[in-house]
Amino acid sequence: MAQECSEPIERWTAKRRVALVVSILKEETSVAEAARQHGLTLAEVDEWHEKFLLWAENTPRTRPKDEQALKDEPIKKLKQKIGDLVVDNDILREALKPYSLDRRTSDA
């Protein structure tokens, strides 16, 4: 995919998407360059790249995750991050208890 296409691709089949991602992985092109060259958004190319990596990670398993588990994985990571942030917030609240949050400084 390093060479330029003479005609714009109207339909991005799975095979074409894989070829584009493989060219990015081989460092024949960058995500930004591929997006610009083919009139795609960075988000589209990044999404294909992420899906490809998830597929590649799942393929060698003897018991691959089902499709729903793959879809739920990003949600699971986000929920974990929210939990971590809630714990951090609770720790900060405890640390700030000795200090009045309604404290006003007087300049007079």
PDB file of N, CA and C in Angstrom:
ATOM      1  N   MET A   1       0.807  -1.192   0.000  1.00  0.00           N
ATOM      2  CA  MET A   1       0.000   0.000   0.000  1.00  0.00           C
ATOM      3  C   MET A   1       0.854   1.260   0.000  1.00  0.00           C
ATOM      4  N   ALA A   2       2.131   1.115  -0.098  1.00  0.00           N
ATOM      5  CA  ALA A   2       3.019   2.262  -0.088  1.00  0.00           C
ATOM      6  C   ALA A   2       2.859   3.083  -1.359  1.00  0.00           C
ATOM      7  N   GLN A   3       2.487   2.433  -2.455  1.00  0.00           N
ATOM      8  CA  GLN A   3       2.316   3.172  -3.689  1.00  0.00           C
ATOM      9  C   GLN A   3       0.963   3.869  -3.691  1.00  0.00           C
ATOM     10  N   GLU A   4       0.889   4.950  -4.425  1.00  0.00           N
ATOM     11  CA  GLU A   4      -0.346   5.712  -4.482  1.00  0.00           C
ATOM     12  C   GLU A   4      -1.331   5.045  -5.424  1.00  0.00           C
ATOM     13  N   CYS A   5      -2.596   5.094  -5.055  1.00  0.00           N
ATOM     14  CA  CYS A   5      -3.636   4.539  -5.915  1.00  0.00           C
ATOM     15  C   CYS A   5      -4.025   5.590  -6.938  1.00  0.00           C
ATOM     16  N   SER A   6      -4.236   5.154  -8.188  1.00  0.00           N
ATOM     17  CA  SER A   6      -4.594   6.105  -9.235  1.00  0.00           C
ATOM     18  C   SER A   6      -6.046   6.545  -9.092  1.00  0.00           C
ATOM     19  N   GLU A   7      -6.891   5.666  -8.604  1.00  0.00           N
ATOM     20  CA  GLU A   7      -8.290   5.989  -8.420  1.00  0.00           C
ATOM     21  C   GLU A   7      -8.640   5.867  -6.942  1.00  0.00           C
ATOM     22  N   PRO A   8      -9.500   6.747  -6.437  1.00  0.00           N
ATOM     23  CA  PRO A   8      -9.884   6.635  -5.029  1.00  0.00           C
ATOM     24  C   PRO A   8     -10.690   5.357  -4.786  1.00  0.00           C
ATOM     25  N   ILE A   9     -10.470   4.765  -3.642  1.00  0.00           N
ATOM     26  CA  ILE A   9     -11.189   3.540  -3.299  1.00  0.00           C
ATOM     27  C   ILE A   9     -12.552   3.942  -2.756  1.00  0.00           C
ATOM     28  N   GLU A  10     -13.603   3.437  -3.375  1.00  0.00           N
ATOM     29  CA  GLU A  10     -14.951   3.787  -2.955  1.00  0.00           C
ATOM     30  C   GLU A  10     -15.459   2.873  -1.846  1.00  0.00           C
ATOM     31  N   ARG A  11     -15.003   1.638  -1.862  1.00  0.00           N
ATOM     32  CA  ARG A  11     -15.481   0.677  -0.872  1.00  0.00           C
ATOM     33  C   ARG A  11     -14.288   0.023  -0.204  1.00  0.00           C
ATOM     34  N   TRP A  12     -14.204   0.197   1.117  1.00  0.00           N
ATOM     35  CA  TRP A  12     -13.087  -0.372   1.875  1.00  0.00           C
ATOM     36  C   TRP A  12     -13.478  -1.752   2.402  1.00  0.00           C
ATOM     37  N   THR A  13     -13.117  -2.769   1.653  1.00  0.00           N
ATOM     38  CA  THR A  13     -13.385  -4.141   2.077  1.00  0.00           C
ATOM     39  C   THR A  13     -12.443  -4.498   3.224  1.00  0.00           C
ATOM     40  N   ALA A  14     -12.746  -5.597   3.888  1.00  0.00           N
ATOM     41  CA  ALA A  14     -11.890  -6.057   4.988  1.00  0.00           C
ATOM     42  C   ALA A  14     -10.469  -6.308   4.491  1.00  0.00           C
ATOM     43  N   LYS A  15     -10.363  -6.870   3.304  1.00  0.00           N
ATOM     44  CA  LYS A  15      -9.043  -7.169   2.734  1.00  0.00           C
ATOM     45  C   LYS A  15      -8.238  -5.885   2.515  1.00  0.00           C
ATOM     46  N   ARG A  16      -8.885  -4.855   2.014  1.00  0.00           N
ATOM     47  CA  ARG A  16      -8.200  -3.572   1.789  1.00  0.00           C
ATOM     48  C   ARG A  16      -7.806  -2.919   3.112  1.00  0.00           C
ATOM     49  N   ARG A  17      -8.707  -3.021   4.096  1.00  0.00           N
ATOM     50  CA  ARG A  17      -8.401  -2.448   5.417  1.00  0.00           C
ATOM     51  C   ARG A  17      -7.188  -3.132   6.030  1.00  0.00           C
ATOM     52  N   VAL A  18      -7.165  -4.458   5.943  1.00  0.00           N
ATOM     53  CA  VAL A  18      -6.037  -5.222   6.488  1.00  0.00           C
ATOM     54  C   VAL A  18      -4.747  -4.827   5.780  1.00  0.00           C
ATOM     55  N   ALA A  19      -4.799  -4.698   4.464  1.00  0.00           N
ATOM     56  CA  ALA A  19      -3.605  -4.318   3.710  1.00  0.00           C
ATOM     57  C   ALA A  19      -3.088  -2.952   4.160  1.00  0.00           C
ATOM     58  N   LEU A  20      -4.001  -2.023   4.400  1.00  0.00           N
ATOM     59  CA  LEU A  20      -3.611  -0.696   4.858  1.00  0.00           C
ATOM     60  C   LEU A  20      -2.977  -0.766   6.248  1.00  0.00           C
ATOM     61  N   VAL A  21      -3.598  -1.512   7.148  1.00  0.00           N
ATOM     62  CA  VAL A  21      -3.068  -1.643   8.512  1.00  0.00           C
ATOM     63  C   VAL A  21      -1.709  -2.336   8.492  1.00  0.00           C
ATOM     64  N   VAL A  22      -1.566  -3.366   7.689  1.00  0.00           N
ATOM     65  CA  VAL A  22      -0.276  -4.070   7.593  1.00  0.00           C
ATOM     66  C   VAL A  22       0.802  -3.119   7.086  1.00  0.00           C
ATOM     67  N   SER A  23       0.469  -2.263   6.127  1.00  0.00           N
ATOM     68  CA  SER A  23       1.470  -1.311   5.636  1.00  0.00           C
ATOM     69  C   SER A  23       1.864  -0.324   6.733  1.00  0.00           C
ATOM     70  N   ILE A  24       0.931   0.006   7.614  1.00  0.00           N
ATOM     71  CA  ILE A  24       1.252   0.870   8.757  1.00  0.00           C
ATOM     72  C   ILE A  24       2.146   0.124   9.740  1.00  0.00           C
ATOM     73  N   LEU A  25       1.810  -1.129  10.014  1.00  0.00           N
ATOM     74  CA  LEU A  25       2.611  -1.928  10.943  1.00  0.00           C
ATOM     75  C   LEU A  25       4.024  -2.166  10.416  1.00  0.00           C
ATOM     76  N   LYS A  26       4.151  -2.301   9.094  1.00  0.00           N
ATOM     77  CA  LYS A  26       5.470  -2.492   8.478  1.00  0.00           C
ATOM     78  C   LYS A  26       6.229  -1.170   8.361  1.00  0.00           C
ATOM     79  N   GLU A  27       5.580  -0.093   8.797  1.00  0.00           N
ATOM     80  CA  GLU A  27       6.146   1.257   8.740  1.00  0.00           C
ATOM     81  C   GLU A  27       6.433   1.709   7.315  1.00  0.00           C
ATOM     82  N   GLU A  28       5.642   1.199   6.380  1.00  0.00           N
ATOM     83  CA  GLU A  28       5.720   1.674   4.996  1.00  0.00           C
ATOM     84  C   GLU A  28       5.022   3.021   4.868  1.00  0.00           C
ATOM     85  N   THR A  29       4.097   3.272   5.782  1.00  0.00           N
ATOM     86  CA  THR A  29       3.355   4.528   5.825  1.00  0.00           C
ATOM     87  C   THR A  29       2.941   4.786   7.267  1.00  0.00           C
ATOM     88  N   SER A  30       2.538   6.009   7.551  1.00  0.00           N
ATOM     89  CA  SER A  30       2.044   6.348   8.885  1.00  0.00           C
ATOM     90  C   SER A  30       0.523   6.419   8.840  1.00  0.00           C
ATOM     91  N   VAL A  31      -0.090   6.453  10.004  1.00  0.00           N
ATOM     92  CA  VAL A  31      -1.550   6.561  10.074  1.00  0.00           C
ATOM     93  C   VAL A  31      -1.999   7.858   9.402  1.00  0.00           C
ATOM     94  N   ALA A  32      -1.323   8.950   9.732  1.00  0.00           N
ATOM     95  CA  ALA A  32      -1.702  10.249   9.166  1.00  0.00           C
ATOM     96  C   ALA A  32      -1.524  10.270   7.650  1.00  0.00           C
ATOM     97  N   GLU A  33      -0.417   9.717   7.180  1.00  0.00           N
ATOM     98  CA  GLU A  33      -0.145   9.691   5.740  1.00  0.00           C
ATOM     99  C   GLU A  33      -1.177   8.833   5.008  1.00  0.00           C
ATOM    100  N   ALA A  34      -1.501   7.672   5.591  1.00  0.00           N
ATOM    101  CA  ALA A  34      -2.488   6.780   4.968  1.00  0.00           C
ATOM    102  C   ALA A  34      -3.856   7.443   4.918  1.00  0.00           C
ATOM    103  N   ALA A  35      -4.232   8.104   5.993  1.00  0.00           N
ATOM    104  CA  ALA A  35      -5.533   8.782   6.022  1.00  0.00           C
ATOM    105  C   ALA A  35      -5.589   9.880   4.965  1.00  0.00           C
ATOM    106  N   ARG A  36      -4.553  10.692   4.910  1.00  0.00           N
ATOM    107  CA  ARG A  36      -4.510  11.784   3.938  1.00  0.00           C
ATOM    108  C   ARG A  36      -4.524  11.249   2.502  1.00  0.00           C
ATOM    109  N   GLN A  37      -3.719  10.230   2.265  1.00  0.00           N
ATOM    110  CA  GLN A  37      -3.566   9.671   0.913  1.00  0.00           C
ATOM    111  C   GLN A  37      -4.873   9.087   0.379  1.00  0.00           C
ATOM    112  N   HIS A  38      -5.681   8.508   1.280  1.00  0.00           N
ATOM    113  CA  HIS A  38      -6.898   7.819   0.840  1.00  0.00           C
ATOM    114  C   HIS A  38      -8.180   8.582   1.183  1.00  0.00           C
ATOM    115  N   GLY A  39      -8.033   9.805   1.696  1.00  0.00           N
ATOM    116  CA  GLY A  39      -9.214  10.608   2.011  1.00  0.00           C
ATOM    117  C   GLY A  39     -10.009  10.055   3.177  1.00  0.00           C
ATOM    118  N   LEU A  40      -9.324   9.487   4.144  1.00  0.00           N
ATOM    119  CA  LEU A  40      -9.962   8.925   5.328  1.00  0.00           C
ATOM    120  C   LEU A  40      -9.688   9.826   6.523  1.00  0.00           C
ATOM    121  N   THR A  41     -10.438   9.630   7.596  1.00  0.00           N
ATOM    122  CA  THR A  41     -10.144  10.367   8.820  1.00  0.00           C
ATOM    123  C   THR A  41      -9.149   9.566   9.649  1.00  0.00           C
ATOM    124  N   LEU A  42      -8.435  10.270  10.512  1.00  0.00           N
ATOM    125  CA  LEU A  42      -7.509   9.579  11.415  1.00  0.00           C
ATOM    126  C   LEU A  42      -8.262   8.594  12.296  1.00  0.00           C
ATOM    127  N   ALA A  43      -9.462   8.975  12.714  1.00  0.00           N
ATOM    128  CA  ALA A  43     -10.264   8.102  13.578  1.00  0.00           C
ATOM    129  C   ALA A  43     -10.600   6.783  12.887  1.00  0.00           C
ATOM    130  N   GLU A  44     -10.931   6.848  11.595  1.00  0.00           N
ATOM    131  CA  GLU A  44     -11.243   5.621  10.851  1.00  0.00           C
ATOM    132  C   GLU A  44     -10.038   4.683  10.811  1.00  0.00           C
ATOM    133  N   VAL A  45      -8.902   5.248  10.450  1.00  0.00           N
ATOM    134  CA  VAL A  45      -7.702   4.423  10.333  1.00  0.00           C
ATOM    135  C   VAL A  45      -7.293   3.884  11.699  1.00  0.00           C
ATOM    136  N   ASP A  46      -7.379   4.725  12.734  1.00  0.00           N
ATOM    137  CA  ASP A  46      -7.058   4.269  14.096  1.00  0.00           C
ATOM    138  C   ASP A  46      -7.984   3.144  14.537  1.00  0.00           C
ATOM    139  N   GLU A  47      -9.264   3.257  14.202  1.00  0.00           N
ATOM    140  CA  GLU A  47     -10.234   2.217  14.562  1.00  0.00           C
ATOM    141  C   GLU A  47      -9.885   0.890  13.877  1.00  0.00           C
ATOM    142  N   TRP A  48      -9.547   0.940  12.587  1.00  0.00           N
ATOM    143  CA  TRP A  48      -9.166  -0.274  11.866  1.00  0.00           C
ATOM    144  C   TRP A  48      -7.911  -0.880  12.486  1.00  0.00           C
ATOM    145  N   HIS A  49      -6.979  -0.022  12.844  1.00  0.00           N
ATOM    146  CA  HIS A  49      -5.720  -0.459  13.442  1.00  0.00           C
ATOM    147  C   HIS A  49      -5.987  -1.165  14.777  1.00  0.00           C
ATOM    148  N   GLU A  50      -6.819  -0.549  15.626  1.00  0.00           N
ATOM    149  CA  GLU A  50      -7.152  -1.148  16.923  1.00  0.00           C
ATOM    150  C   GLU A  50      -7.881  -2.481  16.757  1.00  0.00           C
ATOM    151  N   LYS A  51      -8.840  -2.529  15.841  1.00  0.00           N
ATOM    152  CA  LYS A  51      -9.580  -3.776  15.605  1.00  0.00           C
ATOM    153  C   LYS A  51      -8.646  -4.877  15.113  1.00  0.00           C
ATOM    154  N   PHE A  52      -7.727  -4.508  14.236  1.00  0.00           N
ATOM    155  CA  PHE A  52      -6.764  -5.478  13.717  1.00  0.00           C
ATOM    156  C   PHE A  52      -5.901  -6.026  14.852  1.00  0.00           C
ATOM    157  N   LEU A  53      -5.423  -5.141  15.721  1.00  0.00           N
ATOM    158  CA  LEU A  53      -4.578  -5.585  16.835  1.00  0.00           C
ATOM    159  C   LEU A  53      -5.351  -6.477  17.804  1.00  0.00           C
ATOM    160  N   LEU A  54      -6.621  -6.149  18.060  1.00  0.00           N
ATOM    161  CA  LEU A  54      -7.449  -7.012  18.911  1.00  0.00           C
ATOM    162  C   LEU A  54      -7.629  -8.385  18.270  1.00  0.00           C
ATOM    163  N   TRP A  55      -7.893  -8.381  16.968  1.00  0.00           N
ATOM    164  CA  TRP A  55      -8.050  -9.644  16.246  1.00  0.00           C
ATOM    165  C   TRP A  55      -6.751 -10.444  16.317  1.00  0.00           C
ATOM    166  N   ALA A  56      -5.613  -9.775  16.066  1.00  0.00           N
ATOM    167  CA  ALA A  56      -4.322 -10.457  16.067  1.00  0.00           C
ATOM    168  C   ALA A  56      -3.999 -11.025  17.448  1.00  0.00           C
ATOM    169  N   GLU A  57      -4.381 -10.305  18.486  1.00  0.00           N
ATOM    170  CA  GLU A  57      -4.138 -10.784  19.857  1.00  0.00           C
ATOM    171  C   GLU A  57      -5.004 -11.998  20.171  1.00  0.00           C
ATOM    172  N   ASN A  58      -6.200 -12.020  19.627  1.00  0.00           N
ATOM    173  CA  ASN A  58      -7.155 -13.080  19.924  1.00  0.00           C
ATOM    174  C   ASN A  58      -6.934 -14.334  19.077  1.00  0.00           C
ATOM    175  N   THR A  59      -6.392 -14.202  17.896  1.00  0.00           N
ATOM    176  CA  THR A  59      -6.268 -15.300  16.941  1.00  0.00           C
ATOM    177  C   THR A  59      -5.467 -16.499  17.451  1.00  0.00           C
ATOM    178  N   PRO A  60      -4.284 -16.320  18.062  1.00  0.00           N
ATOM    179  CA  PRO A  60      -3.501 -17.488  18.445  1.00  0.00           C
ATOM    180  C   PRO A  60      -4.046 -18.272  19.648  1.00  0.00           C
ATOM    181  N   ARG A  61      -5.068 -17.779  20.291  1.00  0.00           N
ATOM    182  CA  ARG A  61      -5.598 -18.454  21.474  1.00  0.00           C
ATOM    183  C   ARG A  61      -6.227 -19.790  21.104  1.00  0.00           C
ATOM    184  N   THR A  62      -6.086 -20.744  21.985  1.00  0.00           N
ATOM    185  CA  THR A  62      -6.732 -22.024  21.732  1.00  0.00           C
ATOM    186  C   THR A  62      -8.236 -21.917  21.963  1.00  0.00           C
ATOM    187  N   ARG A  63      -8.609 -21.025  22.872  1.00  0.00           N
ATOM    188  CA  ARG A  63     -10.027 -20.762  23.112  1.00  0.00           C
ATOM    189  C   ARG A  63     -10.264 -19.267  22.939  1.00  0.00           C
ATOM    190  N   PRO A  64     -10.465 -18.803  21.706  1.00  0.00           N
ATOM    191  CA  PRO A  64     -10.624 -17.372  21.470  1.00  0.00           C
ATOM    192  C   PRO A  64     -11.853 -16.801  22.168  1.00  0.00           C
ATOM    193  N   LYS A  65     -11.746 -15.549  22.532  1.00  0.00           N
ATOM    194  CA  LYS A  65     -12.887 -14.859  23.119  1.00  0.00           C
ATOM    195  C   LYS A  65     -13.961 -14.721  22.053  1.00  0.00           C
ATOM    196  N   ASP A  66     -15.203 -14.761  22.483  1.00  0.00           N
ATOM    197  CA  ASP A  66     -16.258 -14.565  21.503  1.00  0.00           C
ATOM    198  C   ASP A  66     -16.344 -13.083  21.132  1.00  0.00           C
ATOM    199  N   GLU A  67     -17.091 -12.799  20.119  1.00  0.00           N
ATOM    200  CA  GLU A  67     -17.165 -11.435  19.589  1.00  0.00           C
ATOM    201  C   GLU A  67     -17.704 -10.456  20.619  1.00  0.00           C
ATOM    202  N   GLN A  68     -18.677 -10.876  21.415  1.00  0.00           N
ATOM    203  CA  GLN A  68     -19.247  -9.983  22.427  1.00  0.00           C
ATOM    204  C   GLN A  68     -18.213  -9.644  23.491  1.00  0.00           C
ATOM    205  N   ALA A  69     -17.390 -10.611  23.876  1.00  0.00           N
ATOM    206  CA  ALA A  69     -16.342 -10.351  24.862  1.00  0.00           C
ATOM    207  C   ALA A  69     -15.342  -9.334  24.323  1.00  0.00           C
ATOM    208  N   LEU A  70     -15.040  -9.414  23.031  1.00  0.00           N
ATOM    209  CA  LEU A  70     -14.138  -8.440  22.417  1.00  0.00           C
ATOM    210  C   LEU A  70     -14.752  -7.039  22.417  1.00  0.00           C
ATOM    211  N   LYS A  71     -16.064  -6.964  22.185  1.00  0.00           N
ATOM    212  CA  LYS A  71     -16.738  -5.671  22.196  1.00  0.00           C
ATOM    213  C   LYS A  71     -16.803  -5.101  23.606  1.00  0.00           C
ATOM    214  N   ASP A  72     -16.959  -5.974  24.613  1.00  0.00           N
ATOM    215  CA  ASP A  72     -17.095  -5.529  25.992  1.00  0.00           C
ATOM    216  C   ASP A  72     -15.763  -5.143  26.628  1.00  0.00           C
ATOM    217  N   GLU A  73     -14.655  -5.558  26.027  1.00  0.00           N
ATOM    218  CA  GLU A  73     -13.345  -5.293  26.614  1.00  0.00           C
ATOM    219  C   GLU A  73     -13.044  -3.811  26.812  1.00  0.00           C
ATOM    220  N   PRO A  74     -13.275  -2.939  25.804  1.00  0.00           N
ATOM    221  CA  PRO A  74     -13.020  -1.510  26.042  1.00  0.00           C
ATOM    222  C   PRO A  74     -13.901  -0.933  27.148  1.00  0.00           C
ATOM    223  N   ILE A  75     -15.148  -1.398  27.229  1.00  0.00           N
ATOM    224  CA  ILE A  75     -16.055  -0.929  28.273  1.00  0.00           C
ATOM    225  C   ILE A  75     -15.533  -1.367  29.635  1.00  0.00           C
ATOM    226  N   LYS A  76     -15.041  -2.582  29.713  1.00  0.00           N
ATOM    227  CA  LYS A  76     -14.490  -3.098  30.970  1.00  0.00           C
ATOM    228  C   LYS A  76     -13.288  -2.254  31.412  1.00  0.00           C
ATOM    229  N   LYS A  77     -12.427  -1.887  30.452  1.00  0.00           N
ATOM    230  CA  LYS A  77     -11.265  -1.053  30.772  1.00  0.00           C
ATOM    231  C   LYS A  77     -11.700   0.326  31.269  1.00  0.00           C
ATOM    232  N   LEU A  78     -12.725   0.897  30.633  1.00  0.00           N
ATOM    233  CA  LEU A  78     -13.216   2.207  31.054  1.00  0.00           C
ATOM    234  C   LEU A  78     -13.836   2.155  32.443  1.00  0.00           C
ATOM    235  N   LYS A  79     -14.585   1.093  32.726  1.00  0.00           N
ATOM    236  CA  LYS A  79     -15.166   0.945  34.064  1.00  0.00           C
ATOM    237  C   LYS A  79     -14.078   0.810  35.121  1.00  0.00           C
ATOM    238  N   GLN A  80     -13.012   0.092  34.789  1.00  0.00           N
ATOM    239  CA  GLN A  80     -11.887  -0.046  35.713  1.00  0.00           C
ATOM    240  C   GLN A  80     -11.253   1.316  35.973  1.00  0.00           C
ATOM    241  N   LYS A  81     -11.102   2.111  34.912  1.00  0.00           N
ATOM    242  CA  LYS A  81     -10.513   3.452  35.044  1.00  0.00           C
ATOM    243  C   LYS A  81     -11.396   4.335  35.920  1.00  0.00           C
ATOM    244  N   ILE A  82     -12.715   4.258  35.730  1.00  0.00           N
ATOM    245  CA  ILE A  82     -13.649   5.032  36.557  1.00  0.00           C
ATOM    246  C   ILE A  82     -13.503   4.621  38.014  1.00  0.00           C
ATOM    247  N   GLY A  83     -13.413   3.324  38.268  1.00  0.00           N
ATOM    248  CA  GLY A  83     -13.223   2.839  39.640  1.00  0.00           C
ATOM    249  C   GLY A  83     -11.945   3.382  40.247  1.00  0.00           C
ATOM    250  N   ASP A  84     -10.866   3.377  39.476  1.00  0.00           N
ATOM    251  CA  ASP A  84      -9.592   3.912  39.963  1.00  0.00           C
ATOM    252  C   ASP A  84      -9.720   5.392  40.308  1.00  0.00           C
ATOM    253  N   LEU A  85     -10.421   6.146  39.455  1.00  0.00           N
ATOM    254  CA  LEU A  85     -10.591   7.578  39.693  1.00  0.00           C
ATOM    255  C   LEU A  85     -11.459   7.846  40.926  1.00  0.00           C
ATOM    256  N   VAL A  86     -12.466   7.017  41.140  1.00  0.00           N
ATOM    257  CA  VAL A  86     -13.303   7.166  42.328  1.00  0.00           C
ATOM    258  C   VAL A  86     -12.474   6.929  43.588  1.00  0.00           C
ATOM    259  N   VAL A  87     -11.637   5.914  43.569  1.00  0.00           N
ATOM    260  CA  VAL A  87     -10.764   5.635  44.719  1.00  0.00           C
ATOM    261  C   VAL A  87      -9.814   6.809  44.944  1.00  0.00           C
ATOM    262  N   ASP A  88      -9.210   7.321  43.880  1.00  0.00           N
ATOM    263  CA  ASP A  88      -8.316   8.479  44.002  1.00  0.00           C
ATOM    264  C   ASP A  88      -9.050   9.675  44.587  1.00  0.00           C
ATOM    265  N   ASN A  89     -10.273   9.900  44.128  1.00  0.00           N
ATOM    266  CA  ASN A  89     -11.086  11.010  44.622  1.00  0.00           C
ATOM    267  C   ASN A  89     -11.377  10.841  46.115  1.00  0.00           C
ATOM    268  N   ASP A  90     -11.719   9.627  46.534  1.00  0.00           N
ATOM    269  CA  ASP A  90     -11.992   9.360  47.951  1.00  0.00           C
ATOM    270  C   ASP A  90     -10.751   9.608  48.806  1.00  0.00           C
ATOM    271  N   ILE A  91      -9.592   9.217  48.319  1.00  0.00           N
ATOM    272  CA  ILE A  91      -8.340   9.432  49.050  1.00  0.00           C
ATOM    273  C   ILE A  91      -8.079  10.928  49.206  1.00  0.00           C
ATOM    274  N   LEU A  92      -8.295  11.679  48.138  1.00  0.00           N
ATOM    275  CA  LEU A  92      -8.095  13.130  48.206  1.00  0.00           C
ATOM    276  C   LEU A  92      -9.081  13.790  49.161  1.00  0.00           C
ATOM    277  N   ARG A  93     -10.331  13.347  49.163  1.00  0.00           N
ATOM    278  CA  ARG A  93     -11.321  13.906  50.099  1.00  0.00           C
ATOM    279  C   ARG A  93     -10.896  13.664  51.539  1.00  0.00           C
ATOM    280  N   GLU A  94     -10.427  12.455  51.813  1.00  0.00           N
ATOM    281  CA  GLU A  94      -9.971  12.140  53.166  1.00  0.00           C
ATOM    282  C   GLU A  94      -8.778  13.007  53.551  1.00  0.00           C
ATOM    283  N   ALA A  95      -7.872  13.213  52.620  1.00  0.00           N
ATOM    284  CA  ALA A  95      -6.688  14.014  52.901  1.00  0.00           C
ATOM    285  C   ALA A  95      -7.048  15.486  53.137  1.00  0.00           C
ATOM    286  N   LEU A  96      -8.121  15.959  52.519  1.00  0.00           N
ATOM    287  CA  LEU A  96      -8.521  17.364  52.646  1.00  0.00           C
ATOM    288  C   LEU A  96      -9.500  17.626  53.786  1.00  0.00           C
ATOM    289  N   LYS A  97      -9.958  16.589  54.489  1.00  0.00           N
ATOM    290  CA  LYS A  97     -10.926  16.769  55.569  1.00  0.00           C
ATOM    291  C   LYS A  97     -10.460  17.769  56.629  1.00  0.00           C
ATOM    292  N   PRO A  98      -9.193  17.743  57.046  1.00  0.00           N
ATOM    293  CA  PRO A  98      -8.779  18.708  58.081  1.00  0.00           C
ATOM    294  C   PRO A  98      -8.878  20.165  57.620  1.00  0.00           C
ATOM    295  N   TYR A  99      -8.936  20.399  56.341  1.00  0.00           N
ATOM    296  CA  TYR A  99      -9.001  21.755  55.800  1.00  0.00           C
ATOM    297  C   TYR A  99     -10.431  22.072  55.403  1.00  0.00           C
ATOM    298  N   SER A 100     -10.879  23.236  55.782  1.00  0.00           N
ATOM    299  CA  SER A 100     -12.235  23.641  55.439  1.00  0.00           C
ATOM    300  C   SER A 100     -12.281  24.002  53.964  1.00  0.00           C
ATOM    301  N   LEU A 101     -13.203  23.418  53.235  1.00  0.00           N
ATOM    302  CA  LEU A 101     -13.344  23.725  51.821  1.00  0.00           C
ATOM    303  C   LEU A 101     -14.066  25.062  51.632  1.00  0.00           C
ATOM    304  N   ASP A 102     -14.720  25.558  52.688  1.00  0.00           N
ATOM    305  CA  ASP A 102     -15.443  26.810  52.624  1.00  0.00           C
ATOM    306  C   ASP A 102     -14.618  27.936  53.237  1.00  0.00           C
ATOM    307  N   ARG A 103     -13.336  27.702  53.352  1.00  0.00           N
ATOM    308  CA  ARG A 103     -12.435  28.667  53.981  1.00  0.00           C
ATOM    309  C   ARG A 103     -12.289  29.887  53.078  1.00  0.00           C
ATOM    310  N   ARG A 104     -12.430  31.051  53.684  1.00  0.00           N
ATOM    311  CA  ARG A 104     -12.296  32.303  52.944  1.00  0.00           C
ATOM    312  C   ARG A 104     -11.090  33.047  53.495  1.00  0.00           C
ATOM    313  N   THR A 105     -10.307  33.573  52.582  1.00  0.00           N
ATOM    314  CA  THR A 105      -9.138  34.352  53.023  1.00  0.00           C
ATOM    315  C   THR A 105      -9.545  35.808  53.131  1.00  0.00           C
ATOM    316  N   SER A 106      -9.051  36.456  54.139  1.00  0.00           N
ATOM    317  CA  SER A 106      -9.363  37.879  54.301  1.00  0.00           C
ATOM    318  C   SER A 106      -8.144  38.690  53.945  1.00  0.00           C
ATOM    319  N   ASP A 107      -8.334  39.630  53.072  1.00  0.00           N
ATOM    320  CA  ASP A 107      -7.251  40.508  52.638  1.00  0.00           C
ATOM    321  C   ASP A 107      -7.183  41.744  53.515  1.00  0.00           C
ATOM    322  N   ALA A 108      -8.169  41.981  54.391  1.00  0.00           N
ATOM    323  CA  ALA A 108      -8.207  43.196  55.212  1.00  0.00           C
ATOM    324  C   ALA A 108      -7.365  43.072  56.452  1.00  0.00           C
TER     325      ALA A 108
END
